[in-house]
Amino acid sequence: MKNKLALAALVLAVVTSASGLAAAQDGRYGDRDDNRYYDSDAGYQRGFDVARDFGFRDGSQVAREDMWKGKPFNPNPRGRYDDADHGYRSQFGNKHEYREQYSAAYRNGYQSTFRRSGYR
C-alpha cells in the first residue's frame, strides 16, 4: 500500500511539474503573481497597464519600507526602481513611455500608502 501511495505521489508531482512547465512556455509573460500581461501571439497588449501595476505596487512597497525605517516622505523612484522599467518587455513598445507611466504610478502608490498610514 505504501508503494502505491508513493507511486501516486510521484505521478502527481510529475504531472504538476509538467503542467507548470507547459504554462511557463506558452508564449506569455507575467509578473511574480502570474498575472498575464502580454501574449506573444496577440502582439502588444496592455503595456501601460503593466507599467502602472508594477509602478503602483513598487511605490507602495517602498513607502511601507520607508515608514518602517522612519525615513522621510520621498515619492520619487529610487534605488532598484530608479530606472523605472520594472516589468518592462520590448513587446510593450516605447520604453520611455513605459517609464513615464511607471514613474507616475510609483509616485501615486507611494503617496497613497503614506496618506493612508497618517504617517506624513
PDB file of N, CA and C in Angstrom:
ATOM      1  N   MET A   1       0.830  -1.190   0.000  1.00  0.00           N
ATOM      2  CA  MET A   1       0.000   0.000   0.000  1.00  0.00           C
ATOM      3  C   MET A   1       0.871   1.249   0.000  1.00  0.00           C
ATOM      4  N   LYS A   2       1.976   1.214   0.805  1.00  0.00           N
ATOM      5  CA  LYS A   2       2.869   2.357   0.852  1.00  0.00           C
ATOM      6  C   LYS A   2       3.482   2.635  -0.509  1.00  0.00           C
ATOM      7  N   ASN A   3       3.838   1.553  -1.212  1.00  0.00           N
ATOM      8  CA  ASN A   3       4.437   1.709  -2.539  1.00  0.00           C
ATOM      9  C   ASN A   3       3.462   2.362  -3.509  1.00  0.00           C
ATOM     10  N   LYS A   4       2.180   1.977  -3.429  1.00  0.00           N
ATOM     11  CA  LYS A   4       1.172   2.559  -4.313  1.00  0.00           C
ATOM     12  C   LYS A   4       0.974   4.041  -4.004  1.00  0.00           C
ATOM     13  N   LEU A   5       0.973   4.389  -2.723  1.00  0.00           N
ATOM     14  CA  LEU A   5       0.825   5.805  -2.350  1.00  0.00           C
ATOM     15  C   LEU A   5       2.039   6.619  -2.793  1.00  0.00           C
ATOM     16  N   ALA A   6       3.216   6.048  -2.633  1.00  0.00           N
ATOM     17  CA  ALA A   6       4.434   6.731  -3.058  1.00  0.00           C
ATOM     18  C   ALA A   6       4.431   6.922  -4.567  1.00  0.00           C
ATOM     19  N   LEU A   7       4.004   5.907  -5.304  1.00  0.00           N
ATOM     20  CA  LEU A   7       3.932   5.995  -6.757  1.00  0.00           C
ATOM     21  C   LEU A   7       2.903   7.046  -7.179  1.00  0.00           C
ATOM     22  N   ALA A   8       1.761   7.052  -6.508  1.00  0.00           N
ATOM     23  CA  ALA A   8       0.721   8.037  -6.824  1.00  0.00           C
ATOM     24  C   ALA A   8       1.227   9.457  -6.552  1.00  0.00           C
ATOM     25  N   ALA A   9       1.952   9.644  -5.460  1.00  0.00           N
ATOM     26  CA  ALA A   9       2.514  10.951  -5.138  1.00  0.00           C
ATOM     27  C   ALA A   9       3.547  11.362  -6.169  1.00  0.00           C
ATOM     28  N   LEU A  10       4.351  10.437  -6.623  1.00  0.00           N
ATOM     29  CA  LEU A  10       5.359  10.711  -7.649  1.00  0.00           C
ATOM     30  C   LEU A  10       4.694  11.106  -8.960  1.00  0.00           C
ATOM     31  N   VAL A  11       3.676  10.362  -9.357  1.00  0.00           N
ATOM     32  CA  VAL A  11       2.954  10.670 -10.597  1.00  0.00           C
ATOM     33  C   VAL A  11       2.316  12.049 -10.497  1.00  0.00           C
ATOM     34  N   LEU A  12       1.709  12.353  -9.369  1.00  0.00           N
ATOM     35  CA  LEU A  12       1.088  13.663  -9.166  1.00  0.00           C
ATOM     36  C   LEU A  12       2.129  14.777  -9.248  1.00  0.00           C
ATOM     37  N   ALA A  13       3.299  14.566  -8.664  1.00  0.00           N
ATOM     38  CA  ALA A  13       4.363  15.565  -8.707  1.00  0.00           C
ATOM     39  C   ALA A  13       4.838  15.791 -10.130  1.00  0.00           C
ATOM     40  N   VAL A  14       4.999  14.715 -10.896  1.00  0.00           N
ATOM     41  CA  VAL A  14       5.450  14.832 -12.282  1.00  0.00           C
ATOM     42  C   VAL A  14       4.413  15.557 -13.129  1.00  0.00           C
ATOM     43  N   VAL A  15       3.147  15.203 -12.982  1.00  0.00           N
ATOM     44  CA  VAL A  15       2.080  15.852 -13.752  1.00  0.00           C
ATOM     45  C   VAL A  15       1.988  17.327 -13.395  1.00  0.00           C
ATOM     46  N   THR A  16       2.070  17.652 -12.126  1.00  0.00           N
ATOM     47  CA  THR A  16       2.005  19.041 -11.684  1.00  0.00           C
ATOM     48  C   THR A  16       3.169  19.842 -12.232  1.00  0.00           C
ATOM     49  N   SER A  17       4.376  19.282 -12.184  1.00  0.00           N
ATOM     50  CA  SER A  17       5.544  19.989 -12.718  1.00  0.00           C
ATOM     51  C   SER A  17       5.434  20.172 -14.215  1.00  0.00           C
ATOM     52  N   ALA A  18       4.978  19.163 -14.909  1.00  0.00           N
ATOM     53  CA  ALA A  18       4.869  19.247 -16.365  1.00  0.00           C
ATOM     54  C   ALA A  18       3.856  20.304 -16.769  1.00  0.00           C
ATOM     55  N   SER A  19       2.761  20.407 -16.045  1.00  0.00           N
ATOM     56  CA  SER A  19       1.765  21.419 -16.402  1.00  0.00           C
ATOM     57  C   SER A  19       2.303  22.820 -16.125  1.00  0.00           C
ATOM     58  N   GLY A  20       3.097  22.975 -15.061  1.00  0.00           N
ATOM     59  CA  GLY A  20       3.715  24.274 -14.781  1.00  0.00           C
ATOM     60  C   GLY A  20       4.738  24.634 -15.830  1.00  0.00           C
ATOM     61  N   LEU A  21       5.489  23.653 -16.293  1.00  0.00           N
ATOM     62  CA  LEU A  21       6.482  23.883 -17.341  1.00  0.00           C
ATOM     63  C   LEU A  21       5.788  24.272 -18.639  1.00  0.00           C
ATOM     64  N   ALA A  22       4.715  23.610 -18.969  1.00  0.00           N
ATOM     65  CA  ALA A  22       3.978  23.946 -20.192  1.00  0.00           C
ATOM     66  C   ALA A  22       3.409  25.355 -20.103  1.00  0.00           C
ATOM     67  N   ALA A  23       2.901  25.731 -18.950  1.00  0.00           N
ATOM     68  CA  ALA A  23       2.356  27.080 -18.777  1.00  0.00           C
ATOM     69  C   ALA A  23       3.461  28.115 -18.900  1.00  0.00           C
ATOM     70  N   ALA A  24       4.647  27.784 -18.406  1.00  0.00           N
ATOM     71  CA  ALA A  24       5.766  28.726 -18.481  1.00  0.00           C
ATOM     72  C   ALA A  24       6.250  28.904 -19.905  1.00  0.00           C
ATOM     73  N   GLN A  25       5.970  27.962 -20.775  1.00  0.00           N
ATOM     74  CA  GLN A  25       6.446  28.032 -22.145  1.00  0.00           C
ATOM     75  C   GLN A  25       5.341  28.336 -23.136  1.00  0.00           C
ATOM     76  N   ASP A  26       4.226  28.908 -22.678  1.00  0.00           N
ATOM     77  CA  ASP A  26       3.114  29.128 -23.600  1.00  0.00           C
ATOM     78  C   ASP A  26       3.190  30.441 -24.364  1.00  0.00           C
ATOM     79  N   GLY A  27       4.331  31.141 -24.320  1.00  0.00           N
ATOM     80  CA  GLY A  27       4.474  32.365 -25.097  1.00  0.00           C
ATOM     81  C   GLY A  27       3.937  33.594 -24.393  1.00  0.00           C
ATOM     82  N   ARG A  28       3.619  33.489 -23.130  1.00  0.00           N
ATOM     83  CA  ARG A  28       3.092  34.620 -22.376  1.00  0.00           C
ATOM     84  C   ARG A  28       4.075  35.019 -21.301  1.00  0.00           C
ATOM     85  N   TYR A  29       4.034  36.279 -20.954  1.00  0.00           N
ATOM     86  CA  TYR A  29       4.876  36.789 -19.889  1.00  0.00           C
ATOM     87  C   TYR A  29       3.971  37.237 -18.750  1.00  0.00           C
ATOM     88  N   GLY A  30       4.430  37.087 -17.524  1.00  0.00           N
ATOM     89  CA  GLY A  30       3.648  37.522 -16.384  1.00  0.00           C
ATOM     90  C   GLY A  30       4.549  38.010 -15.283  1.00  0.00           C
ATOM     91  N   ASP A  31       3.949  38.543 -14.240  1.00  0.00           N
ATOM     92  CA  ASP A  31       4.730  39.002 -13.104  1.00  0.00           C
ATOM     93  C   ASP A  31       4.821  37.882 -12.082  1.00  0.00           C
ATOM     94  N   ARG A  32       5.363  38.207 -10.915  1.00  0.00           N
ATOM     95  CA  ARG A  32       5.581  37.177  -9.905  1.00  0.00           C
ATOM     96  C   ARG A  32       4.289  36.579  -9.371  1.00  0.00           C
ATOM     97  N   ASP A  33       3.157  37.282  -9.561  1.00  0.00           N
ATOM     98  CA  ASP A  33       1.862  36.759  -9.138  1.00  0.00           C
ATOM     99  C   ASP A  33       1.166  36.012 -10.271  1.00  0.00           C
ATOM    100  N   ASP A  34       1.890  35.807 -11.384  1.00  0.00           N
ATOM    101  CA  ASP A  34       1.395  35.112 -12.561  1.00  0.00           C
ATOM    102  C   ASP A  34       0.218  35.835 -13.210  1.00  0.00           C
ATOM    103  N   ASN A  35       0.194  37.162 -13.087  1.00  0.00           N
ATOM    104  CA  ASN A  35      -0.782  37.937 -13.839  1.00  0.00           C
ATOM    105  C   ASN A  35      -0.284  38.021 -15.272  1.00  0.00           C
ATOM    106  N   ARG A  36      -1.101  37.686 -16.224  1.00  0.00           N
ATOM    107  CA  ARG A  36      -0.677  37.656 -17.615  1.00  0.00           C
ATOM    108  C   ARG A  36      -0.874  39.031 -18.236  1.00  0.00           C
ATOM    109  N   TYR A  37       0.202  39.580 -18.787  1.00  0.00           N
ATOM    110  CA  TYR A  37       0.150  40.910 -19.371  1.00  0.00           C
ATOM    111  C   TYR A  37       0.392  40.923 -20.866  1.00  0.00           C
ATOM    112  N   TYR A  38       1.102  39.966 -21.369  1.00  0.00           N
ATOM    113  CA  TYR A  38       1.474  40.002 -22.771  1.00  0.00           C
ATOM    114  C   TYR A  38       1.385  38.615 -23.361  1.00  0.00           C
ATOM    115  N   ASP A  39       0.709  38.513 -24.454  1.00  0.00           N
ATOM    116  CA  ASP A  39       0.591  37.263 -25.175  1.00  0.00           C
ATOM    117  C   ASP A  39       1.313  37.453 -26.495  1.00  0.00           C
ATOM    118  N   SER A  40       2.414  36.735 -26.714  1.00  0.00           N
ATOM    119  CA  SER A  40       3.232  36.946 -27.907  1.00  0.00           C
ATOM    120  C   SER A  40       2.464  36.651 -29.190  1.00  0.00           C
ATOM    121  N   ASP A  41       1.437  35.844 -29.115  1.00  0.00           N
ATOM    122  CA  ASP A  41       0.647  35.563 -30.310  1.00  0.00           C
ATOM    123  C   ASP A  41      -0.309  36.706 -30.644  1.00  0.00           C
ATOM    124  N   ALA A  42      -0.698  37.483 -29.648  1.00  0.00           N
ATOM    125  CA  ALA A  42      -1.663  38.554 -29.866  1.00  0.00           C
ATOM    126  C   ALA A  42      -0.992  39.900 -30.107  1.00  0.00           C
ATOM    127  N   GLY A  43       0.329  39.987 -29.912  1.00  0.00           N
ATOM    128  CA  GLY A  43       1.020  41.261 -30.113  1.00  0.00           C
ATOM    129  C   GLY A  43       0.945  42.123 -28.874  1.00  0.00           C
ATOM    130  N   TYR A  44       1.160  43.426 -29.066  1.00  0.00           N
ATOM    131  CA  TYR A  44       1.155  44.379 -27.953  1.00  0.00           C
ATOM    132  C   TYR A  44      -0.157  44.297 -27.184  1.00  0.00           C
ATOM    133  N   GLN A  45      -0.051  44.214 -25.869  1.00  0.00           N
ATOM    134  CA  GLN A  45      -1.267  44.121 -25.056  1.00  0.00           C
ATOM    135  C   GLN A  45      -1.007  44.708 -23.676  1.00  0.00           C
ATOM    136  N   ARG A  46      -1.681  45.784 -23.361  1.00  0.00           N
ATOM    137  CA  ARG A  46      -1.706  46.376 -22.028  1.00  0.00           C
ATOM    138  C   ARG A  46      -0.336  46.790 -21.484  1.00  0.00           C
ATOM    139  N   GLY A  47       0.574  47.255 -22.300  1.00  0.00           N
ATOM    140  CA  GLY A  47       1.895  47.665 -21.824  1.00  0.00           C
ATOM    141  C   GLY A  47       1.833  48.745 -20.767  1.00  0.00           C
ATOM    142  N   PHE A  48       0.968  49.746 -20.960  1.00  0.00           N
ATOM    143  CA  PHE A  48       0.864  50.818 -19.981  1.00  0.00           C
ATOM    144  C   PHE A  48       0.201  50.334 -18.698  1.00  0.00           C
ATOM    145  N   ASP A  49      -0.728  49.402 -18.814  1.00  0.00           N
ATOM    146  CA  ASP A  49      -1.337  48.826 -17.605  1.00  0.00           C
ATOM    147  C   ASP A  49      -0.288  48.106 -16.771  1.00  0.00           C
ATOM    148  N   VAL A  50       0.621  47.440 -17.443  1.00  0.00           N
ATOM    149  CA  VAL A  50       1.698  46.739 -16.756  1.00  0.00           C
ATOM    150  C   VAL A  50       2.554  47.750 -16.005  1.00  0.00           C
ATOM    151  N   ALA A  51       2.921  48.831 -16.689  1.00  0.00           N
ATOM    152  CA  ALA A  51       3.750  49.866 -16.067  1.00  0.00           C
ATOM    153  C   ALA A  51       3.051  50.446 -14.845  1.00  0.00           C
ATOM    154  N   ARG A  52       1.766  50.715 -14.969  1.00  0.00           N
ATOM    155  CA  ARG A  52       1.027  51.275 -13.834  1.00  0.00           C
ATOM    156  C   ARG A  52       0.906  50.272 -12.691  1.00  0.00           C
ATOM    157  N   ASP A  53       0.655  49.008 -13.011  1.00  0.00           N
ATOM    158  CA  ASP A  53       0.555  47.981 -11.960  1.00  0.00           C
ATOM    159  C   ASP A  53       1.866  47.831 -11.195  1.00  0.00           C
ATOM    160  N   PHE A  54       2.956  47.657 -11.931  1.00  0.00           N
ATOM    161  CA  PHE A  54       4.253  47.497 -11.279  1.00  0.00           C
ATOM    162  C   PHE A  54       4.637  48.765 -10.528  1.00  0.00           C
ATOM    163  N   GLY A  55       4.439  49.926 -11.151  1.00  0.00           N
ATOM    164  CA  GLY A  55       4.805  51.190 -10.510  1.00  0.00           C
ATOM    165  C   GLY A  55       4.058  51.403  -9.204  1.00  0.00           C
ATOM    166  N   PHE A  56       2.752  51.193  -9.211  1.00  0.00           N
ATOM    167  CA  PHE A  56       1.951  51.401  -8.005  1.00  0.00           C
ATOM    168  C   PHE A  56       2.377  50.445  -6.897  1.00  0.00           C
ATOM    169  N   ARG A  57       2.540  49.171  -7.240  1.00  0.00           N
ATOM    170  CA  ARG A  57       2.952  48.190  -6.229  1.00  0.00           C
ATOM    171  C   ARG A  57       4.331  48.498  -5.669  1.00  0.00           C
ATOM    172  N   ASP A  58       5.260  48.862  -6.557  1.00  0.00           N
ATOM    173  CA  ASP A  58       6.619  49.170  -6.096  1.00  0.00           C
ATOM    174  C   ASP A  58       6.629  50.413  -5.219  1.00  0.00           C
ATOM    175  N   GLY A  59       5.896  51.455  -5.622  1.00  0.00           N
ATOM    176  CA  GLY A  59       5.826  52.668  -4.818  1.00  0.00           C
ATOM    177  C   GLY A  59       5.223  52.410  -3.450  1.00  0.00           C
ATOM    178  N   SER A  60       4.174  51.613  -3.414  1.00  0.00           N
ATOM    179  CA  SER A  60       3.541  51.267  -2.132  1.00  0.00           C
ATOM    180  C   SER A  60       4.504  50.501  -1.238  1.00  0.00           C
ATOM    181  N   GLN A  61       5.236  49.576  -1.826  1.00  0.00           N
ATOM    182  CA  GLN A  61       6.201  48.782  -1.059  1.00  0.00           C
ATOM    183  C   GLN A  61       7.301  49.666  -0.481  1.00  0.00           C
ATOM    184  N   VAL A  62       7.840  50.586  -1.286  1.00  0.00           N
ATOM    185  CA  VAL A  62       8.902  51.464  -0.803  1.00  0.00           C
ATOM    186  C   VAL A  62       8.366  52.391   0.284  1.00  0.00           C
ATOM    187  N   ALA A  63       7.135  52.864   0.147  1.00  0.00           N
ATOM    188  CA  ALA A  63       6.541  53.711   1.195  1.00  0.00           C
ATOM    189  C   ALA A  63       6.451  52.949   2.508  1.00  0.00           C
ATOM    190  N   ARG A  64       6.005  51.697   2.450  1.00  0.00           N
ATOM    191  CA  ARG A  64       5.933  50.886   3.672  1.00  0.00           C
ATOM    192  C   ARG A  64       7.324  50.701   4.280  1.00  0.00           C
ATOM    193  N   GLU A  65       8.322  50.432   3.431  1.00  0.00           N
ATOM    194  CA  GLU A  65       9.693  50.271   3.927  1.00  0.00           C
ATOM    195  C   GLU A  65      10.203  51.574   4.546  1.00  0.00           C
ATOM    196  N   ASP A  66       9.933  52.707   3.891  1.00  0.00           N
ATOM    197  CA  ASP A  66      10.372  53.996   4.419  1.00  0.00           C
ATOM    198  C   ASP A  66       9.731  54.293   5.776  1.00  0.00           C
ATOM    199  N   MET A  67       8.430  54.026   5.890  1.00  0.00           N
ATOM    200  CA  MET A  67       7.744  54.267   7.167  1.00  0.00           C
ATOM    201  C   MET A  67       8.325  53.359   8.250  1.00  0.00           C
ATOM    202  N   TRP A  68       8.567  52.108   7.896  1.00  0.00           N
ATOM    203  CA  TRP A  68       9.114  51.151   8.860  1.00  0.00           C
ATOM    204  C   TRP A  68      10.476  51.608   9.369  1.00  0.00           C
ATOM    205  N   LYS A  69      11.286  52.180   8.457  1.00  0.00           N
ATOM    206  CA  LYS A  69      12.630  52.622   8.813  1.00  0.00           C
ATOM    207  C   LYS A  69      12.666  54.059   9.331  1.00  0.00           C
ATOM    208  N   GLY A  70      11.503  54.733   9.374  1.00  0.00           N
ATOM    209  CA  GLY A  70      11.436  56.105   9.873  1.00  0.00           C
ATOM    210  C   GLY A  70      12.019  57.129   8.913  1.00  0.00           C
ATOM    211  N   LYS A  71      12.038  56.812   7.634  1.00  0.00           N
ATOM    212  CA  LYS A  71      12.588  57.730   6.636  1.00  0.00           C
ATOM    213  C   LYS A  71      11.549  58.792   6.270  1.00  0.00           C
ATOM    214  N   PRO A  72      12.015  59.949   5.778  1.00  0.00           N
ATOM    215  CA  PRO A  72      11.081  60.995   5.382  1.00  0.00           C
ATOM    216  C   PRO A  72      10.366  60.662   4.069  1.00  0.00           C
ATOM    217  N   PHE A  73       9.273  61.355   3.829  1.00  0.00           N
ATOM    218  CA  PHE A  73       8.473  61.209   2.620  1.00  0.00           C
ATOM    219  C   PHE A  73       9.333  61.522   1.389  1.00  0.00           C
ATOM    220  N   ASN A  74       9.379  60.585   0.427  1.00  0.00           N
ATOM    221  CA  ASN A  74      10.124  60.779  -0.812  1.00  0.00           C
ATOM    222  C   ASN A  74       9.474  59.914  -1.892  1.00  0.00           C
ATOM    223  N   PRO A  75       8.520  60.493  -2.649  1.00  0.00           N
ATOM    224  CA  PRO A  75       7.759  59.688  -3.603  1.00  0.00           C
ATOM    225  C   PRO A  75       8.452  59.409  -4.937  1.00  0.00           C
ATOM    226  N   ASN A  76       9.708  59.775  -5.090  1.00  0.00           N
ATOM    227  CA  ASN A  76      10.392  59.563  -6.366  1.00  0.00           C
ATOM    228  C   ASN A  76      11.028  58.180  -6.428  1.00  0.00           C
ATOM    229  N   PRO A  77      10.905  57.515  -7.605  1.00  0.00           N
ATOM    230  CA  PRO A  77      11.547  56.201  -7.746  1.00  0.00           C
ATOM    231  C   PRO A  77      13.046  56.309  -7.475  1.00  0.00           C
ATOM    232  N   ARG A  78      13.552  55.387  -6.697  1.00  0.00           N
ATOM    233  CA  ARG A  78      14.975  55.417  -6.343  1.00  0.00           C
ATOM    234  C   ARG A  78      15.452  54.007  -6.046  1.00  0.00           C
ATOM    235  N   GLY A  79      16.745  53.896  -5.852  1.00  0.00           N
ATOM    236  CA  GLY A  79      17.315  52.581  -5.573  1.00  0.00           C
ATOM    237  C   GLY A  79      17.124  51.659  -6.749  1.00  0.00           C
ATOM    238  N   ARG A  80      16.649  50.463  -6.477  1.00  0.00           N
ATOM    239  CA  ARG A  80      16.488  49.484  -7.561  1.00  0.00           C
ATOM    240  C   ARG A  80      15.357  49.861  -8.521  1.00  0.00           C
ATOM    241  N   TYR A  81      14.521  50.850  -8.163  1.00  0.00           N
ATOM    242  CA  TYR A  81      13.417  51.282  -9.021  1.00  0.00           C
ATOM    243  C   TYR A  81      13.755  52.550  -9.797  1.00  0.00           C
ATOM    244  N   ASP A  82      14.966  53.041  -9.653  1.00  0.00           N
ATOM    245  CA  ASP A  82      15.386  54.295 -10.281  1.00  0.00           C
ATOM    246  C   ASP A  82      15.255  54.265 -11.802  1.00  0.00           C
ATOM    247  N   ASP A  83      15.469  53.122 -12.427  1.00  0.00           N
ATOM    248  CA  ASP A  83      15.357  53.028 -13.883  1.00  0.00           C
ATOM    249  C   ASP A  83      13.915  53.071 -14.366  1.00  0.00           C
ATOM    250  N   ALA A  84      12.972  52.837 -13.479  1.00  0.00           N
ATOM    251  CA  ALA A  84      11.528  52.886 -13.775  1.00  0.00           C
ATOM    252  C   ALA A  84      11.144  51.949 -14.921  1.00  0.00           C
ATOM    253  N   ASP A  85      11.804  50.805 -14.998  1.00  0.00           N
ATOM    254  CA  ASP A  85      11.454  49.868 -16.064  1.00  0.00           C
ATOM    255  C   ASP A  85      11.140  48.465 -15.533  1.00  0.00           C
ATOM    256  N   HIS A  86      10.812  48.370 -14.246  1.00  0.00           N
ATOM    257  CA  HIS A  86      10.473  47.081 -13.657  1.00  0.00           C
ATOM    258  C   HIS A  86       9.262  46.494 -14.388  1.00  0.00           C
ATOM    259  N   GLY A  87       9.397  45.284 -14.874  1.00  0.00           N
ATOM    260  CA  GLY A  87       8.315  44.606 -15.588  1.00  0.00           C
ATOM    261  C   GLY A  87       8.288  44.870 -17.079  1.00  0.00           C
ATOM    262  N   TYR A  88       9.166  45.723 -17.572  1.00  0.00           N
ATOM    263  CA  TYR A  88       9.151  46.089 -18.990  1.00  0.00           C
ATOM    264  C   TYR A  88       9.595  44.932 -19.874  1.00  0.00           C
ATOM    265  N   ARG A  89       8.924  44.764 -20.980  1.00  0.00           N
ATOM    266  CA  ARG A  89       9.296  43.830 -22.047  1.00  0.00           C
ATOM    267  C   ARG A  89       9.305  44.624 -23.353  1.00  0.00           C
ATOM    268  N   SER A  90      10.191  44.299 -24.243  1.00  0.00           N
ATOM    269  CA  SER A  90      10.289  45.037 -25.502  1.00  0.00           C
ATOM    270  C   SER A  90       8.977  44.994 -26.289  1.00  0.00           C
ATOM    271  N   GLN A  91       8.172  43.976 -26.069  1.00  0.00           N
ATOM    272  CA  GLN A  91       6.894  43.856 -26.758  1.00  0.00           C
ATOM    273  C   GLN A  91       5.908  44.946 -26.335  1.00  0.00           C
ATOM    274  N   PHE A  92       6.177  45.618 -25.211  1.00  0.00           N
ATOM    275  CA  PHE A  92       5.279  46.654 -24.725  1.00  0.00           C
ATOM    276  C   PHE A  92       5.432  47.960 -25.484  1.00  0.00           C
ATOM    277  N   GLY A  93       6.437  48.054 -26.328  1.00  0.00           N
ATOM    278  CA  GLY A  93       6.604  49.267 -27.124  1.00  0.00           C
ATOM    279  C   GLY A  93       7.671  50.179 -26.557  1.00  0.00           C
ATOM    280  N   ASN A  94       7.444  51.470 -26.701  1.00  0.00           N
ATOM    281  CA  ASN A  94       8.400  52.512 -26.350  1.00  0.00           C
ATOM    282  C   ASN A  94       8.753  52.463 -24.862  1.00  0.00           C
ATOM    283  N   LYS A  95      10.033  52.282 -24.572  1.00  0.00           N
ATOM    284  CA  LYS A  95      10.484  52.167 -23.176  1.00  0.00           C
ATOM    285  C   LYS A  95      10.352  53.490 -22.433  1.00  0.00           C
ATOM    286  N   HIS A  96      10.568  54.600 -23.126  1.00  0.00           N
ATOM    287  CA  HIS A  96      10.443  55.917 -22.494  1.00  0.00           C
ATOM    288  C   HIS A  96       9.006  56.142 -22.004  1.00  0.00           C
ATOM    289  N   GLU A  97       8.034  55.801 -22.836  1.00  0.00           N
ATOM    290  CA  GLU A  97       6.629  55.956 -22.440  1.00  0.00           C
ATOM    291  C   GLU A  97       6.285  55.016 -21.284  1.00  0.00           C
ATOM    292  N   TYR A  98       6.815  53.811 -21.330  1.00  0.00           N
ATOM    293  CA  TYR A  98       6.606  52.863 -20.224  1.00  0.00           C
ATOM    294  C   TYR A  98       7.142  53.463 -18.924  1.00  0.00           C
ATOM    295  N   ARG A  99       8.347  54.025 -18.969  1.00  0.00           N
ATOM    296  CA  ARG A  99       8.960  54.626 -17.784  1.00  0.00           C
ATOM    297  C   ARG A  99       8.124  55.776 -17.234  1.00  0.00           C
ATOM    298  N   GLU A 100       7.559  56.587 -18.120  1.00  0.00           N
ATOM    299  CA  GLU A 100       6.711  57.696 -17.658  1.00  0.00           C
ATOM    300  C   GLU A 100       5.498  57.172 -16.897  1.00  0.00           C
ATOM    301  N   GLN A 101       4.840  56.146 -17.450  1.00  0.00           N
ATOM    302  CA  GLN A 101       3.672  55.560 -16.794  1.00  0.00           C
ATOM    303  C   GLN A 101       4.059  54.917 -15.455  1.00  0.00           C
ATOM    304  N   TYR A 102       5.162  54.206 -15.464  1.00  0.00           N
ATOM    305  CA  TYR A 102       5.653  53.547 -14.251  1.00  0.00           C
ATOM    306  C   TYR A 102       5.937  54.578 -13.162  1.00  0.00           C
ATOM    307  N   SER A 103       6.674  55.636 -13.500  1.00  0.00           N
ATOM    308  CA  SER A 103       7.065  56.647 -12.510  1.00  0.00           C
ATOM    309  C   SER A 103       5.853  57.345 -11.912  1.00  0.00           C
ATOM    310  N   ALA A 104       4.885  57.691 -12.747  1.00  0.00           N
ATOM    311  CA  ALA A 104       3.673  58.343 -12.247  1.00  0.00           C
ATOM    312  C   ALA A 104       2.915  57.410 -11.297  1.00  0.00           C
ATOM    313  N   ALA A 105       2.809  56.141 -11.662  1.00  0.00           N
ATOM    314  CA  ALA A 105       2.106  55.176 -10.805  1.00  0.00           C
ATOM    315  C   ALA A 105       2.891  54.909  -9.526  1.00  0.00           C
ATOM    316  N   TYR A 106       4.209  54.887  -9.611  1.00  0.00           N
ATOM    317  CA  TYR A 106       5.051  54.703  -8.434  1.00  0.00           C
ATOM    318  C   TYR A 106       4.768  55.823  -7.426  1.00  0.00           C
ATOM    319  N   ARG A 107       4.803  57.065  -7.911  1.00  0.00           N
ATOM    320  CA  ARG A 107       4.532  58.202  -7.015  1.00  0.00           C
ATOM    321  C   ARG A 107       3.133  58.119  -6.420  1.00  0.00           C
ATOM    322  N   ASN A 108       2.166  57.726  -7.249  1.00  0.00           N
ATOM    323  CA  ASN A 108       0.791  57.595  -6.779  1.00  0.00           C
ATOM    324  C   ASN A 108       0.690  56.526  -5.689  1.00  0.00           C
ATOM    325  N   GLY A 109       1.316  55.370  -5.908  1.00  0.00           N
ATOM    326  CA  GLY A 109       1.300  54.293  -4.914  1.00  0.00           C
ATOM    327  C   GLY A 109       1.994  54.707  -3.629  1.00  0.00           C
ATOM    328  N   TYR A 110       3.126  55.389  -3.768  1.00  0.00           N
ATOM    329  CA  TYR A 110       3.878  55.848  -2.598  1.00  0.00           C
ATOM    330  C   TYR A 110       3.034  56.834  -1.795  1.00  0.00           C
ATOM    331  N   GLN A 111       2.478  57.832  -2.483  1.00  0.00           N
ATOM    332  CA  GLN A 111       1.694  58.866  -1.801  1.00  0.00           C
ATOM    333  C   GLN A 111       0.448  58.293  -1.152  1.00  0.00           C
ATOM    334  N   SER A 112      -0.254  57.415  -1.847  1.00  0.00           N
ATOM    335  CA  SER A 112      -1.478  56.876  -1.266  1.00  0.00           C
ATOM    336  C   SER A 112      -1.189  55.992  -0.058  1.00  0.00           C
ATOM    337  N   THR A 113      -0.098  55.263  -0.070  1.00  0.00           N
ATOM    338  CA  THR A 113       0.271  54.428   1.072  1.00  0.00           C
ATOM    339  C   THR A 113       0.666  55.301   2.263  1.00  0.00           C
ATOM    340  N   PHE A 114       1.423  56.344   2.018  1.00  0.00           N
ATOM    341  CA  PHE A 114       1.805  57.268   3.081  1.00  0.00           C
ATOM    342  C   PHE A 114       0.569  57.958   3.662  1.00  0.00           C
ATOM    343  N   ARG A 115      -0.332  58.419   2.778  1.00  0.00           N
ATOM    344  CA  ARG A 115      -1.550  59.117   3.199  1.00  0.00           C
ATOM    345  C   ARG A 115      -2.419  58.227   4.079  1.00  0.00           C
ATOM    346  N   ARG A 116      -2.605  56.971   3.642  1.00  0.00           N
ATOM    347  CA  ARG A 116      -3.443  56.039   4.390  1.00  0.00           C
ATOM    348  C   ARG A 116      -2.909  55.788   5.791  1.00  0.00           C
ATOM    349  N   SER A 117      -1.608  55.826   5.908  1.00  0.00           N
ATOM    350  CA  SER A 117      -0.996  55.500   7.195  1.00  0.00           C
ATOM    351  C   SER A 117      -1.105  56.651   8.187  1.00  0.00           C
ATOM    352  N   GLY A 118      -1.286  57.870   7.663  1.00  0.00           N
ATOM    353  CA  GLY A 118      -1.301  59.035   8.542  1.00  0.00           C
ATOM    354  C   GLY A 118       0.091  59.400   9.033  1.00  0.00           C
ATOM    355  N   TYR A 119       1.105  58.771   8.457  1.00  0.00           N
ATOM    356  CA  TYR A 119       2.482  58.953   8.892  1.00  0.00           C
ATOM    357  C   TYR A 119       2.999  60.330   8.529  1.00  0.00           C
ATOM    358  N   ARG A 120       2.601  60.819   7.377  1.00  0.00           N
ATOM    359  CA  ARG A 120       3.129  62.062   6.834  1.00  0.00           C
ATOM    360  C   ARG A 120       2.681  63.163   7.670  1.00  0.00           C
TER     361      ARG A 120
END
